[in-house]
Amino acid sequence: GINAEYGVTHVIFDLDGLILDTEILYDQAIQAVLDPFNLTYTYEIKQKVMGRKYHDAMEMIRQELEVPLTAEELVSQSMAHLKEMFLKCDVKPGASDLIRHLAARGVPMCNATDSTTQEY
């Protein structure tokens, strides 16, 4: 068949960080919320919250930096920044070429993400 040459029958992409360069956007959005309080979202804090659900991460950031907002407010405000940023998000180098290549060969594709629908 058309896919036999590559042995590829289907492709599932992880949208965040693989197709779209979103990781830096999360950092920028969080920092934008913290700026009015002269607080810094450090790499040390980022390491502590990586892999957690967004709300849980915001609660940890709130506690770690003693942010005078609730976790819900941190989520809401950072999501407002992200909404604008996602509209300008860059596709990772090579992603468009790979998608076009697979599409031209009839390989079914889809995106997977553990982000919430609120984020997209």
PDB file of N, CA and C in Angstrom:
ATOM      1  N   GLY A   1       0.813  -1.193   0.000  1.00  0.00           N
ATOM      2  CA  GLY A   1       0.000   0.000   0.000  1.00  0.00           C
ATOM      3  C   GLY A   1       0.853   1.251   0.000  1.00  0.00           C
ATOM      4  N   ILE A   2       0.187   2.360   0.008  1.00  0.00           N
ATOM      5  CA  ILE A   2       0.866   3.653  -0.088  1.00  0.00           C
ATOM      6  C   ILE A   2       1.796   3.913   1.082  1.00  0.00           C
ATOM      7  N   ASN A   3       1.505   3.345   2.261  1.00  0.00           N
ATOM      8  CA  ASN A   3       2.324   3.580   3.442  1.00  0.00           C
ATOM      9  C   ASN A   3       3.335   2.466   3.692  1.00  0.00           C
ATOM     10  N   ALA A   4       3.303   1.415   2.902  1.00  0.00           N
ATOM     11  CA  ALA A   4       4.135   0.255   3.147  1.00  0.00           C
ATOM     12  C   ALA A   4       5.627   0.594   3.094  1.00  0.00           C
ATOM     13  N   GLU A   5       6.012   1.510   2.243  1.00  0.00           N
ATOM     14  CA  GLU A   5       7.417   1.879   2.095  1.00  0.00           C
ATOM     15  C   GLU A   5       8.006   2.366   3.413  1.00  0.00           C
ATOM     16  N   TYR A   6       7.219   3.067   4.198  1.00  0.00           N
ATOM     17  CA  TYR A   6       7.702   3.628   5.449  1.00  0.00           C
ATOM     18  C   TYR A   6       7.281   2.821   6.670  1.00  0.00           C
ATOM     19  N   GLY A   7       6.339   1.939   6.503  1.00  0.00           N
ATOM     20  CA  GLY A   7       5.834   1.186   7.628  1.00  0.00           C
ATOM     21  C   GLY A   7       4.985   2.025   8.568  1.00  0.00           C
ATOM     22  N   VAL A   8       4.590   3.214   8.113  1.00  0.00           N
ATOM     23  CA  VAL A   8       3.796   4.119   8.932  1.00  0.00           C
ATOM     24  C   VAL A   8       2.342   3.994   8.499  1.00  0.00           C
ATOM     25  N   THR A   9       1.474   3.681   9.468  1.00  0.00           N
ATOM     26  CA  THR A   9       0.056   3.569   9.130  1.00  0.00           C
ATOM     27  C   THR A   9      -0.751   4.731   9.667  1.00  0.00           C
ATOM     28  N   HIS A  10      -0.332   5.310  10.788  1.00  0.00           N
ATOM     29  CA  HIS A  10      -1.020   6.427  11.430  1.00  0.00           C
ATOM     30  C   HIS A  10      -0.001   7.212  12.249  1.00  0.00           C
ATOM     31  N   VAL A  11      -0.288   8.500  12.473  1.00  0.00           N
ATOM     32  CA  VAL A  11       0.606   9.322  13.295  1.00  0.00           C
ATOM     33  C   VAL A  11      -0.225  10.130  14.282  1.00  0.00           C
ATOM     34  N   ILE A  12       0.188  10.074  15.536  1.00  0.00           N
ATOM     35  CA  ILE A  12      -0.426  10.895  16.586  1.00  0.00           C
ATOM     36  C   ILE A  12       0.664  11.851  17.068  1.00  0.00           C
ATOM     37  N   PHE A  13       0.420  13.144  16.918  1.00  0.00           N
ATOM     38  CA  PHE A  13       1.375  14.157  17.349  1.00  0.00           C
ATOM     39  C   PHE A  13       0.997  14.695  18.724  1.00  0.00           C
ATOM     40  N   ASP A  14       2.003  14.991  19.520  1.00  0.00           N
ATOM     41  CA  ASP A  14       1.803  15.752  20.749  1.00  0.00           C
ATOM     42  C   ASP A  14       1.900  17.209  20.336  1.00  0.00           C
ATOM     43  N   LEU A  15       0.820  17.934  20.443  1.00  0.00           N
ATOM     44  CA  LEU A  15       0.746  19.303  19.940  1.00  0.00           C
ATOM     45  C   LEU A  15       1.715  20.239  20.649  1.00  0.00           C
ATOM     46  N   ASP A  16       1.728  20.204  21.976  1.00  0.00           N
ATOM     47  CA  ASP A  16       2.544  21.144  22.762  1.00  0.00           C
ATOM     48  C   ASP A  16       4.019  20.776  22.709  1.00  0.00           C
ATOM     49  N   GLY A  17       4.801  21.645  22.129  1.00  0.00           N
ATOM     50  CA  GLY A  17       6.237  21.462  22.117  1.00  0.00           C
ATOM     51  C   GLY A  17       6.758  20.641  20.967  1.00  0.00           C
ATOM     52  N   LEU A  18       5.909  19.909  20.287  1.00  0.00           N
ATOM     53  CA  LEU A  18       6.347  19.123  19.137  1.00  0.00           C
ATOM     54  C   LEU A  18       5.942  19.810  17.844  1.00  0.00           C
ATOM     55  N   ILE A  19       4.675  20.166  17.722  1.00  0.00           N
ATOM     56  CA  ILE A  19       4.190  20.860  16.531  1.00  0.00           C
ATOM     57  C   ILE A  19       4.248  22.367  16.737  1.00  0.00           C
ATOM     58  N   LEU A  20       3.753  22.821  17.861  1.00  0.00           N
ATOM     59  CA  LEU A  20       3.749  24.252  18.178  1.00  0.00           C
ATOM     60  C   LEU A  20       4.770  24.546  19.266  1.00  0.00           C
ATOM     61  N   ASP A  21       5.433  25.677  19.143  1.00  0.00           N
ATOM     62  CA  ASP A  21       6.434  26.077  20.124  1.00  0.00           C
ATOM     63  C   ASP A  21       5.735  26.799  21.276  1.00  0.00           C
ATOM     64  N   THR A  22       5.040  26.028  22.121  1.00  0.00           N
ATOM     65  CA  THR A  22       4.192  26.618  23.160  1.00  0.00           C
ATOM     66  C   THR A  22       4.856  26.735  24.528  1.00  0.00           C
ATOM     67  N   GLU A  23       5.879  25.956  24.786  1.00  0.00           N
ATOM     68  CA  GLU A  23       6.440  25.916  26.140  1.00  0.00           C
ATOM     69  C   GLU A  23       6.861  27.301  26.618  1.00  0.00           C
ATOM     70  N   ILE A  24       7.531  28.046  25.781  1.00  0.00           N
ATOM     71  CA  ILE A  24       7.979  29.391  26.165  1.00  0.00           C
ATOM     72  C   ILE A  24       6.784  30.311  26.430  1.00  0.00           C
ATOM     73  N   LEU A  25       5.671  30.059  25.743  1.00  0.00           N
ATOM     74  CA  LEU A  25       4.489  30.902  25.934  1.00  0.00           C
ATOM     75  C   LEU A  25       3.916  30.756  27.335  1.00  0.00           C
ATOM     76  N   TYR A  26       3.899  29.550  27.844  1.00  0.00           N
ATOM     77  CA  TYR A  26       3.410  29.335  29.207  1.00  0.00           C
ATOM     78  C   TYR A  26       4.281  30.110  30.194  1.00  0.00           C
ATOM     79  N   ASP A  27       5.592  30.034  29.999  1.00  0.00           N
ATOM     80  CA  ASP A  27       6.512  30.764  30.879  1.00  0.00           C
ATOM     81  C   ASP A  27       6.251  32.269  30.811  1.00  0.00           C
ATOM     82  N   GLN A  28       6.090  32.780  29.602  1.00  0.00           N
ATOM     83  CA  GLN A  28       5.862  34.217  29.426  1.00  0.00           C
ATOM     84  C   GLN A  28       4.531  34.657  30.023  1.00  0.00           C
ATOM     85  N   ALA A  29       3.506  33.838  29.859  1.00  0.00           N
ATOM     86  CA  ALA A  29       2.184  34.182  30.400  1.00  0.00           C
ATOM     87  C   ALA A  29       2.209  34.206  31.926  1.00  0.00           C
ATOM     88  N   ILE A  30       2.852  33.235  32.520  1.00  0.00           N
ATOM     89  CA  ILE A  30       2.957  33.197  33.981  1.00  0.00           C
ATOM     90  C   ILE A  30       3.742  34.405  34.470  1.00  0.00           C
ATOM     91  N   GLN A  31       4.846  34.696  33.800  1.00  0.00           N
ATOM     92  CA  GLN A  31       5.651  35.840  34.214  1.00  0.00           C
ATOM     93  C   GLN A  31       4.885  37.145  34.068  1.00  0.00           C
ATOM     94  N   ALA A  32       4.079  37.271  33.020  1.00  0.00           N
ATOM     95  CA  ALA A  32       3.278  38.485  32.818  1.00  0.00           C
ATOM     96  C   ALA A  32       2.308  38.719  33.984  1.00  0.00           C
ATOM     97  N   VAL A  33       1.771  37.640  34.532  1.00  0.00           N
ATOM     98  CA  VAL A  33       0.864  37.759  35.679  1.00  0.00           C
ATOM     99  C   VAL A  33       1.649  38.135  36.942  1.00  0.00           C
ATOM    100  N   LEU A  34       2.863  37.664  37.043  1.00  0.00           N
ATOM    101  CA  LEU A  34       3.679  37.923  38.240  1.00  0.00           C
ATOM    102  C   LEU A  34       4.357  39.292  38.219  1.00  0.00           C
ATOM    103  N   ASP A  35       4.561  39.849  37.040  1.00  0.00           N
ATOM    104  CA  ASP A  35       5.281  41.125  36.911  1.00  0.00           C
ATOM    105  C   ASP A  35       4.734  42.244  37.805  1.00  0.00           C
ATOM    106  N   PRO A  36       3.423  42.446  37.871  1.00  0.00           N
ATOM    107  CA  PRO A  36       2.921  43.541  38.717  1.00  0.00           C
ATOM    108  C   PRO A  36       3.283  43.402  40.202  1.00  0.00           C
ATOM    109  N   PHE A  37       3.649  42.191  40.603  1.00  0.00           N
ATOM    110  CA  PHE A  37       4.006  41.939  42.004  1.00  0.00           C
ATOM    111  C   PHE A  37       5.523  41.856  42.201  1.00  0.00           C
ATOM    112  N   ASN A  38       6.264  42.150  41.118  1.00  0.00           N
ATOM    113  CA  ASN A  38       7.733  42.077  41.155  1.00  0.00           C
ATOM    114  C   ASN A  38       8.225  40.692  41.583  1.00  0.00           C
ATOM    115  N   LEU A  39       7.547  39.665  41.082  1.00  0.00           N
ATOM    116  CA  LEU A  39       7.915  38.290  41.374  1.00  0.00           C
ATOM    117  C   LEU A  39       8.461  37.643  40.102  1.00  0.00           C
ATOM    118  N   THR A  40       9.323  36.658  40.272  1.00  0.00           N
ATOM    119  CA  THR A  40       9.963  36.018  39.126  1.00  0.00           C
ATOM    120  C   THR A  40       9.670  34.527  39.096  1.00  0.00           C
ATOM    121  N   TYR A  41       9.220  34.065  37.951  1.00  0.00           N
ATOM    122  CA  TYR A  41       8.986  32.639  37.703  1.00  0.00           C
ATOM    123  C   TYR A  41      10.323  32.043  37.270  1.00  0.00           C
ATOM    124  N   THR A  42      11.040  31.460  38.212  1.00  0.00           N
ATOM    125  CA  THR A  42      12.381  30.948  37.949  1.00  0.00           C
ATOM    126  C   THR A  42      12.342  29.536  37.368  1.00  0.00           C
ATOM    127  N   TYR A  43      13.468  29.135  36.818  1.00  0.00           N
ATOM    128  CA  TYR A  43      13.584  27.782  36.294  1.00  0.00           C
ATOM    129  C   TYR A  43      13.444  26.765  37.430  1.00  0.00           C
ATOM    130  N   GLU A  44      13.914  27.121  38.602  1.00  0.00           N
ATOM    131  CA  GLU A  44      13.787  26.236  39.764  1.00  0.00           C
ATOM    132  C   GLU A  44      12.314  25.949  40.071  1.00  0.00           C
ATOM    133  N   ILE A  45      11.495  26.990  40.026  1.00  0.00           N
ATOM    134  CA  ILE A  45      10.061  26.811  40.271  1.00  0.00           C
ATOM    135  C   ILE A  45       9.439  26.030  39.125  1.00  0.00           C
ATOM    136  N   LYS A  46       9.841  26.363  37.910  1.00  0.00           N
ATOM    137  CA  LYS A  46       9.307  25.654  36.746  1.00  0.00           C
ATOM    138  C   LYS A  46       9.561  24.149  36.862  1.00  0.00           C
ATOM    139  N   GLN A  47      10.740  23.775  37.310  1.00  0.00           N
ATOM    140  CA  GLN A  47      11.055  22.350  37.475  1.00  0.00           C
ATOM    141  C   GLN A  47      10.117  21.675  38.471  1.00  0.00           C
ATOM    142  N   LYS A  48       9.728  22.398  39.503  1.00  0.00           N
ATOM    143  CA  LYS A  48       8.839  21.843  40.515  1.00  0.00           C
ATOM    144  C   LYS A  48       7.422  21.621  39.990  1.00  0.00           C
ATOM    145  N   VAL A  49       6.980  22.444  39.041  1.00  0.00           N
ATOM    146  CA  VAL A  49       5.595  22.366  38.579  1.00  0.00           C
ATOM    147  C   VAL A  49       5.432  21.617  37.252  1.00  0.00           C
ATOM    148  N   MET A  50       6.538  21.322  36.574  1.00  0.00           N
ATOM    149  CA  MET A  50       6.452  20.618  35.288  1.00  0.00           C
ATOM    150  C   MET A  50       5.715  19.297  35.417  1.00  0.00           C
ATOM    151  N   GLY A  51       4.837  19.042  34.461  1.00  0.00           N
ATOM    152  CA  GLY A  51       4.109  17.787  34.429  1.00  0.00           C
ATOM    153  C   GLY A  51       2.845  17.764  35.260  1.00  0.00           C
ATOM    154  N   ARG A  52       2.582  18.832  35.974  1.00  0.00           N
ATOM    155  CA  ARG A  52       1.379  18.890  36.815  1.00  0.00           C
ATOM    156  C   ARG A  52       0.225  19.518  36.036  1.00  0.00           C
ATOM    157  N   LYS A  53      -0.969  19.267  36.487  1.00  0.00           N
ATOM    158  CA  LYS A  53      -2.139  19.946  35.923  1.00  0.00           C
ATOM    159  C   LYS A  53      -1.966  21.439  36.135  1.00  0.00           C
ATOM    160  N   TYR A  54      -2.480  22.224  35.211  1.00  0.00           N
ATOM    161  CA  TYR A  54      -2.235  23.674  35.221  1.00  0.00           C
ATOM    162  C   TYR A  54      -2.685  24.328  36.530  1.00  0.00           C
ATOM    163  N   HIS A  55      -3.881  23.979  36.999  1.00  0.00           N
ATOM    164  CA  HIS A  55      -4.380  24.563  38.245  1.00  0.00           C
ATOM    165  C   HIS A  55      -3.472  24.199  39.418  1.00  0.00           C
ATOM    166  N   ASP A  56      -3.042  22.950  39.480  1.00  0.00           N
ATOM    167  CA  ASP A  56      -2.150  22.513  40.554  1.00  0.00           C
ATOM    168  C   ASP A  56      -0.812  23.256  40.483  1.00  0.00           C
ATOM    169  N   ALA A  57      -0.317  23.464  39.270  1.00  0.00           N
ATOM    170  CA  ALA A  57       0.930  24.204  39.090  1.00  0.00           C
ATOM    171  C   ALA A  57       0.780  25.642  39.578  1.00  0.00           C
ATOM    172  N   MET A  58      -0.365  26.258  39.252  1.00  0.00           N
ATOM    173  CA  MET A  58      -0.592  27.640  39.691  1.00  0.00           C
ATOM    174  C   MET A  58      -0.686  27.732  41.215  1.00  0.00           C
ATOM    175  N   GLU A  59      -1.263  26.727  41.841  1.00  0.00           N
ATOM    176  CA  GLU A  59      -1.332  26.700  43.303  1.00  0.00           C
ATOM    177  C   GLU A  59       0.068  26.598  43.899  1.00  0.00           C
ATOM    178  N   MET A  60       0.907  25.769  43.310  1.00  0.00           N
ATOM    179  CA  MET A  60       2.277  25.641  43.798  1.00  0.00           C
ATOM    180  C   MET A  60       3.047  26.949  43.615  1.00  0.00           C
ATOM    181  N   ILE A  61       2.876  27.589  42.470  1.00  0.00           N
ATOM    182  CA  ILE A  61       3.539  28.873  42.213  1.00  0.00           C
ATOM    183  C   ILE A  61       3.054  29.912  43.216  1.00  0.00           C
ATOM    184  N   ARG A  62       1.743  29.935  43.438  1.00  0.00           N
ATOM    185  CA  ARG A  62       1.151  30.876  44.404  1.00  0.00           C
ATOM    186  C   ARG A  62       1.779  30.710  45.779  1.00  0.00           C
ATOM    187  N   GLN A  63       1.894  29.472  46.217  1.00  0.00           N
ATOM    188  CA  GLN A  63       2.464  29.202  47.533  1.00  0.00           C
ATOM    189  C   GLN A  63       3.962  29.503  47.577  1.00  0.00           C
ATOM    190  N   GLU A  64       4.663  29.065  46.557  1.00  0.00           N
ATOM    191  CA  GLU A  64       6.123  29.232  46.519  1.00  0.00           C
ATOM    192  C   GLU A  64       6.531  30.703  46.536  1.00  0.00           C
ATOM    193  N   LEU A  65       5.806  31.528  45.752  1.00  0.00           N
ATOM    194  CA  LEU A  65       6.167  32.948  45.625  1.00  0.00           C
ATOM    195  C   LEU A  65       5.309  33.872  46.494  1.00  0.00           C
ATOM    196  N   GLU A  66       4.365  33.280  47.212  1.00  0.00           N
ATOM    197  CA  GLU A  66       3.439  34.059  48.037  1.00  0.00           C
ATOM    198  C   GLU A  66       2.723  35.119  47.199  1.00  0.00           C
ATOM    199  N   VAL A  67       2.187  34.675  46.076  1.00  0.00           N
ATOM    200  CA  VAL A  67       1.463  35.555  45.158  1.00  0.00           C
ATOM    201  C   VAL A  67       0.137  35.940  45.811  1.00  0.00           C
ATOM    202  N   PRO A  68      -0.200  37.234  45.816  1.00  0.00           N
ATOM    203  CA  PRO A  68      -1.448  37.666  46.461  1.00  0.00           C
ATOM    204  C   PRO A  68      -2.679  37.470  45.566  1.00  0.00           C
ATOM    205  N   LEU A  69      -2.752  36.325  44.912  1.00  0.00           N
ATOM    206  CA  LEU A  69      -3.898  35.935  44.083  1.00  0.00           C
ATOM    207  C   LEU A  69      -4.235  34.496  44.408  1.00  0.00           C
ATOM    208  N   THR A  70      -5.455  34.107  44.110  1.00  0.00           N
ATOM    209  CA  THR A  70      -5.821  32.701  44.251  1.00  0.00           C
ATOM    210  C   THR A  70      -5.269  31.935  43.046  1.00  0.00           C
ATOM    211  N   ALA A  71      -5.219  30.631  43.162  1.00  0.00           N
ATOM    212  CA  ALA A  71      -4.793  29.804  42.034  1.00  0.00           C
ATOM    213  C   ALA A  71      -5.729  30.021  40.851  1.00  0.00           C
ATOM    214  N   GLU A  72      -7.020  30.170  41.135  1.00  0.00           N
ATOM    215  CA  GLU A  72      -8.000  30.394  40.070  1.00  0.00           C
ATOM    216  C   GLU A  72      -7.715  31.705  39.331  1.00  0.00           C
ATOM    217  N   GLU A  73      -7.340  32.738  40.078  1.00  0.00           N
ATOM    218  CA  GLU A  73      -7.009  34.016  39.455  1.00  0.00           C
ATOM    219  C   GLU A  73      -5.735  33.907  38.619  1.00  0.00           C
ATOM    220  N   LEU A  74      -4.762  33.152  39.114  1.00  0.00           N
ATOM    221  CA  LEU A  74      -3.540  32.923  38.336  1.00  0.00           C
ATOM    222  C   LEU A  74      -3.857  32.200  37.027  1.00  0.00           C
ATOM    223  N   VAL A  75      -4.699  31.188  37.114  1.00  0.00           N
ATOM    224  CA  VAL A  75      -5.102  30.448  35.920  1.00  0.00           C
ATOM    225  C   VAL A  75      -5.808  31.388  34.944  1.00  0.00           C
ATOM    226  N   SER A  76      -6.788  32.101  35.432  1.00  0.00           N
ATOM    227  CA  SER A  76      -7.591  32.986  34.584  1.00  0.00           C
ATOM    228  C   SER A  76      -6.738  34.054  33.907  1.00  0.00           C
ATOM    229  N   GLN A  77      -5.890  34.700  34.670  1.00  0.00           N
ATOM    230  CA  GLN A  77      -5.068  35.766  34.106  1.00  0.00           C
ATOM    231  C   GLN A  77      -4.012  35.234  33.137  1.00  0.00           C
ATOM    232  N   SER A  78      -3.385  34.113  33.481  1.00  0.00           N
ATOM    233  CA  SER A  78      -2.382  33.556  32.570  1.00  0.00           C
ATOM    234  C   SER A  78      -3.046  33.035  31.290  1.00  0.00           C
ATOM    235  N   MET A  79      -4.259  32.489  31.413  1.00  0.00           N
ATOM    236  CA  MET A  79      -4.983  32.022  30.222  1.00  0.00           C
ATOM    237  C   MET A  79      -5.343  33.189  29.297  1.00  0.00           C
ATOM    238  N   ALA A  80      -5.654  34.326  29.871  1.00  0.00           N
ATOM    239  CA  ALA A  80      -5.948  35.501  29.053  1.00  0.00           C
ATOM    240  C   ALA A  80      -4.720  35.885  28.229  1.00  0.00           C
ATOM    241  N   HIS A  81      -3.546  35.830  28.846  1.00  0.00           N
ATOM    242  CA  HIS A  81      -2.310  36.110  28.107  1.00  0.00           C
ATOM    243  C   HIS A  81      -2.060  35.036  27.057  1.00  0.00           C
ATOM    244  N   LEU A  82      -2.256  33.776  27.438  1.00  0.00           N
ATOM    245  CA  LEU A  82      -2.005  32.666  26.507  1.00  0.00           C
ATOM    246  C   LEU A  82      -2.904  32.732  25.284  1.00  0.00           C
ATOM    247  N   LYS A  83      -4.151  33.114  25.490  1.00  0.00           N
ATOM    248  CA  LYS A  83      -5.097  33.183  24.369  1.00  0.00           C
ATOM    249  C   LYS A  83      -4.546  34.070  23.260  1.00  0.00           C
ATOM    250  N   GLU A  84      -3.989  35.197  23.626  1.00  0.00           N
ATOM    251  CA  GLU A  84      -3.400  36.107  22.640  1.00  0.00           C
ATOM    252  C   GLU A  84      -2.108  35.535  22.058  1.00  0.00           C
ATOM    253  N   MET A  85      -1.307  34.941  22.905  1.00  0.00           N
ATOM    254  CA  MET A  85      -0.021  34.398  22.470  1.00  0.00           C
ATOM    255  C   MET A  85      -0.182  33.228  21.503  1.00  0.00           C
ATOM    256  N   PHE A  86      -1.174  32.370  21.761  1.00  0.00           N
ATOM    257  CA  PHE A  86      -1.379  31.207  20.893  1.00  0.00           C
ATOM    258  C   PHE A  86      -1.693  31.619  19.457  1.00  0.00           C
ATOM    259  N   LEU A  87      -2.316  32.758  19.290  1.00  0.00           N
ATOM    260  CA  LEU A  87      -2.639  33.232  17.945  1.00  0.00           C
ATOM    261  C   LEU A  87      -1.390  33.541  17.133  1.00  0.00           C
ATOM    262  N   LYS A  88      -0.278  33.789  17.820  1.00  0.00           N
ATOM    263  CA  LYS A  88       0.975  34.146  17.160  1.00  0.00           C
ATOM    264  C   LYS A  88       2.033  33.054  17.313  1.00  0.00           C
ATOM    265  N   CYS A  89       1.629  31.894  17.770  1.00  0.00           N
ATOM    266  CA  CYS A  89       2.558  30.812  18.072  1.00  0.00           C
ATOM    267  C   CYS A  89       3.236  30.273  16.810  1.00  0.00           C
ATOM    268  N   ASP A  90       4.535  30.064  16.897  1.00  0.00           N
ATOM    269  CA  ASP A  90       5.300  29.529  15.773  1.00  0.00           C
ATOM    270  C   ASP A  90       5.206  28.013  15.717  1.00  0.00           C
ATOM    271  N   VAL A  91       5.194  27.508  14.493  1.00  0.00           N
ATOM    272  CA  VAL A  91       5.281  26.067  14.278  1.00  0.00           C
ATOM    273  C   VAL A  91       6.753  25.691  14.416  1.00  0.00           C
ATOM    274  N   LYS A  92       7.020  24.580  15.059  1.00  0.00           N
ATOM    275  CA  LYS A  92       8.399  24.140  15.262  1.00  0.00           C
ATOM    276  C   LYS A  92       9.054  23.838  13.905  1.00  0.00           C
ATOM    277  N   PRO A  93      10.359  24.076  13.803  1.00  0.00           N
ATOM    278  CA  PRO A  93      11.073  23.815  12.546  1.00  0.00           C
ATOM    279  C   PRO A  93      10.868  22.378  12.071  1.00  0.00           C
ATOM    280  N   GLY A  94      10.513  22.239  10.820  1.00  0.00           N
ATOM    281  CA  GLY A  94      10.330  20.924  10.218  1.00  0.00           C
ATOM    282  C   GLY A  94       8.941  20.338  10.383  1.00  0.00           C
ATOM    283  N   ALA A  95       8.138  20.868  11.296  1.00  0.00           N
ATOM    284  CA  ALA A  95       6.812  20.295  11.550  1.00  0.00           C
ATOM    285  C   ALA A  95       5.903  20.408  10.332  1.00  0.00           C
ATOM    286  N   SER A  96       5.872  21.563   9.714  1.00  0.00           N
ATOM    287  CA  SER A  96       5.009  21.743   8.534  1.00  0.00           C
ATOM    288  C   SER A  96       5.426  20.817   7.404  1.00  0.00           C
ATOM    289  N   ASP A  97       6.735  20.706   7.189  1.00  0.00           N
ATOM    290  CA  ASP A  97       7.232  19.821   6.127  1.00  0.00           C
ATOM    291  C   ASP A  97       6.846  18.372   6.398  1.00  0.00           C
ATOM    292  N   LEU A  98       6.983  17.938   7.636  1.00  0.00           N
ATOM    293  CA  LEU A  98       6.633  16.563   7.990  1.00  0.00           C
ATOM    294  C   LEU A  98       5.142  16.315   7.794  1.00  0.00           C
ATOM    295  N   ILE A  99       4.316  17.247   8.233  1.00  0.00           N
ATOM    296  CA  ILE A  99       2.866  17.086   8.092  1.00  0.00           C
ATOM    297  C   ILE A  99       2.478  17.027   6.617  1.00  0.00           C
ATOM    298  N   ARG A 100       3.047  17.919   5.808  1.00  0.00           N
ATOM    299  CA  ARG A 100       2.761  17.890   4.362  1.00  0.00           C
ATOM    300  C   ARG A 100       3.215  16.575   3.734  1.00  0.00           C
ATOM    301  N   HIS A 101       4.384  16.102   4.139  1.00  0.00           N
ATOM    302  CA  HIS A 101       4.933  14.849   3.620  1.00  0.00           C
ATOM    303  C   HIS A 101       4.002  13.678   3.938  1.00  0.00           C
ATOM    304  N   LEU A 102       3.572  13.602   5.184  1.00  0.00           N
ATOM    305  CA  LEU A 102       2.679  12.512   5.587  1.00  0.00           C
ATOM    306  C   LEU A 102       1.319  12.626   4.901  1.00  0.00           C
ATOM    307  N   ALA A 103       0.798  13.846   4.803  1.00  0.00           N
ATOM    308  CA  ALA A 103      -0.502  14.059   4.151  1.00  0.00           C
ATOM    309  C   ALA A 103      -0.439  13.655   2.680  1.00  0.00           C
ATOM    310  N   ALA A 104       0.652  13.972   2.009  1.00  0.00           N
ATOM    311  CA  ALA A 104       0.799  13.627   0.593  1.00  0.00           C
ATOM    312  C   ALA A 104       0.824  12.116   0.388  1.00  0.00           C
ATOM    313  N   ARG A 105       1.174  11.372   1.410  1.00  0.00           N
ATOM    314  CA  ARG A 105       1.222   9.911   1.324  1.00  0.00           C
ATOM    315  C   ARG A 105      -0.011   9.253   1.935  1.00  0.00           C
ATOM    316  N   GLY A 106      -0.990  10.088   2.301  1.00  0.00           N
ATOM    317  CA  GLY A 106      -2.255   9.555   2.790  1.00  0.00           C
ATOM    318  C   GLY A 106      -2.202   8.982   4.194  1.00  0.00           C
ATOM    319  N   VAL A 107      -1.218   9.381   4.975  1.00  0.00           N
ATOM    320  CA  VAL A 107      -1.105   8.868   6.340  1.00  0.00           C
ATOM    321  C   VAL A 107      -2.081   9.631   7.241  1.00  0.00           C
ATOM    322  N   PRO A 108      -3.019   8.941   7.880  1.00  0.00           N
ATOM    323  CA  PRO A 108      -3.940   9.619   8.805  1.00  0.00           C
ATOM    324  C   PRO A 108      -3.171  10.177  10.000  1.00  0.00           C
ATOM    325  N   MET A 109      -3.532  11.406  10.402  1.00  0.00           N
ATOM    326  CA  MET A 109      -2.847  12.082  11.503  1.00  0.00           C
ATOM    327  C   MET A 109      -3.864  12.707  12.442  1.00  0.00           C
ATOM    328  N   CYS A 110      -3.444  12.872  13.698  1.00  0.00           N
ATOM    329  CA  CYS A 110      -4.244  13.620  14.656  1.00  0.00           C
ATOM    330  C   CYS A 110      -3.316  14.208  15.708  1.00  0.00           C
ATOM    331  N   ASN A 111      -3.840  15.157  16.462  1.00  0.00           N
ATOM    332  CA  ASN A 111      -3.098  15.778  17.551  1.00  0.00           C
ATOM    333  C   ASN A 111      -3.611  15.263  18.876  1.00  0.00           C
ATOM    334  N   ALA A 112      -2.697  15.110  19.804  1.00  0.00           N
ATOM    335  CA  ALA A 112      -3.050  14.761  21.173  1.00  0.00           C
ATOM    336  C   ALA A 112      -2.420  15.807  22.081  1.00  0.00           C
ATOM    337  N   THR A 113      -3.082  16.102  23.166  1.00  0.00           N
ATOM    338  CA  THR A 113      -2.539  17.039  24.139  1.00  0.00           C
ATOM    339  C   THR A 113      -3.169  16.762  25.484  1.00  0.00           C
ATOM    340  N   ASP A 114      -2.435  17.069  26.527  1.00  0.00           N
ATOM    341  CA  ASP A 114      -3.047  16.966  27.852  1.00  0.00           C
ATOM    342  C   ASP A 114      -3.488  18.342  28.328  1.00  0.00           C
ATOM    343  N   SER A 115      -3.397  19.326  27.435  1.00  0.00           N
ATOM    344  CA  SER A 115      -3.900  20.662  27.758  1.00  0.00           C
ATOM    345  C   SER A 115      -5.411  20.630  27.782  1.00  0.00           C
ATOM    346  N   THR A 116      -5.989  21.569  28.510  1.00  0.00           N
ATOM    347  CA  THR A 116      -7.432  21.624  28.580  1.00  0.00           C
ATOM    348  C   THR A 116      -7.992  22.334  27.347  1.00  0.00           C
ATOM    349  N   THR A 117      -9.259  22.146  27.071  1.00  0.00           N
ATOM    350  CA  THR A 117      -9.869  22.838  25.945  1.00  0.00           C
ATOM    351  C   THR A 117      -9.885  24.336  26.193  1.00  0.00           C
ATOM    352  N   GLN A 118      -9.852  24.742  27.449  1.00  0.00           N
ATOM    353  CA  GLN A 118      -9.796  26.158  27.793  1.00  0.00           C
ATOM    354  C   GLN A 118      -8.526  26.797  27.227  1.00  0.00           C
ATOM    355  N   GLU A 119      -7.436  26.020  27.180  1.00  0.00           N
ATOM    356  CA  GLU A 119      -6.167  26.532  26.689  1.00  0.00           C
ATOM    357  C   GLU A 119      -6.171  26.712  25.185  1.00  0.00           C
ATOM    358  N   TYR A 120      -7.019  25.976  24.457  1.00  0.00           N
ATOM    359  CA  TYR A 120      -7.058  26.057  23.013  1.00  0.00           C
ATOM    360  C   TYR A 120      -8.407  26.546  22.567  1.00  0.00           C
TER     361      TYR A 120
END
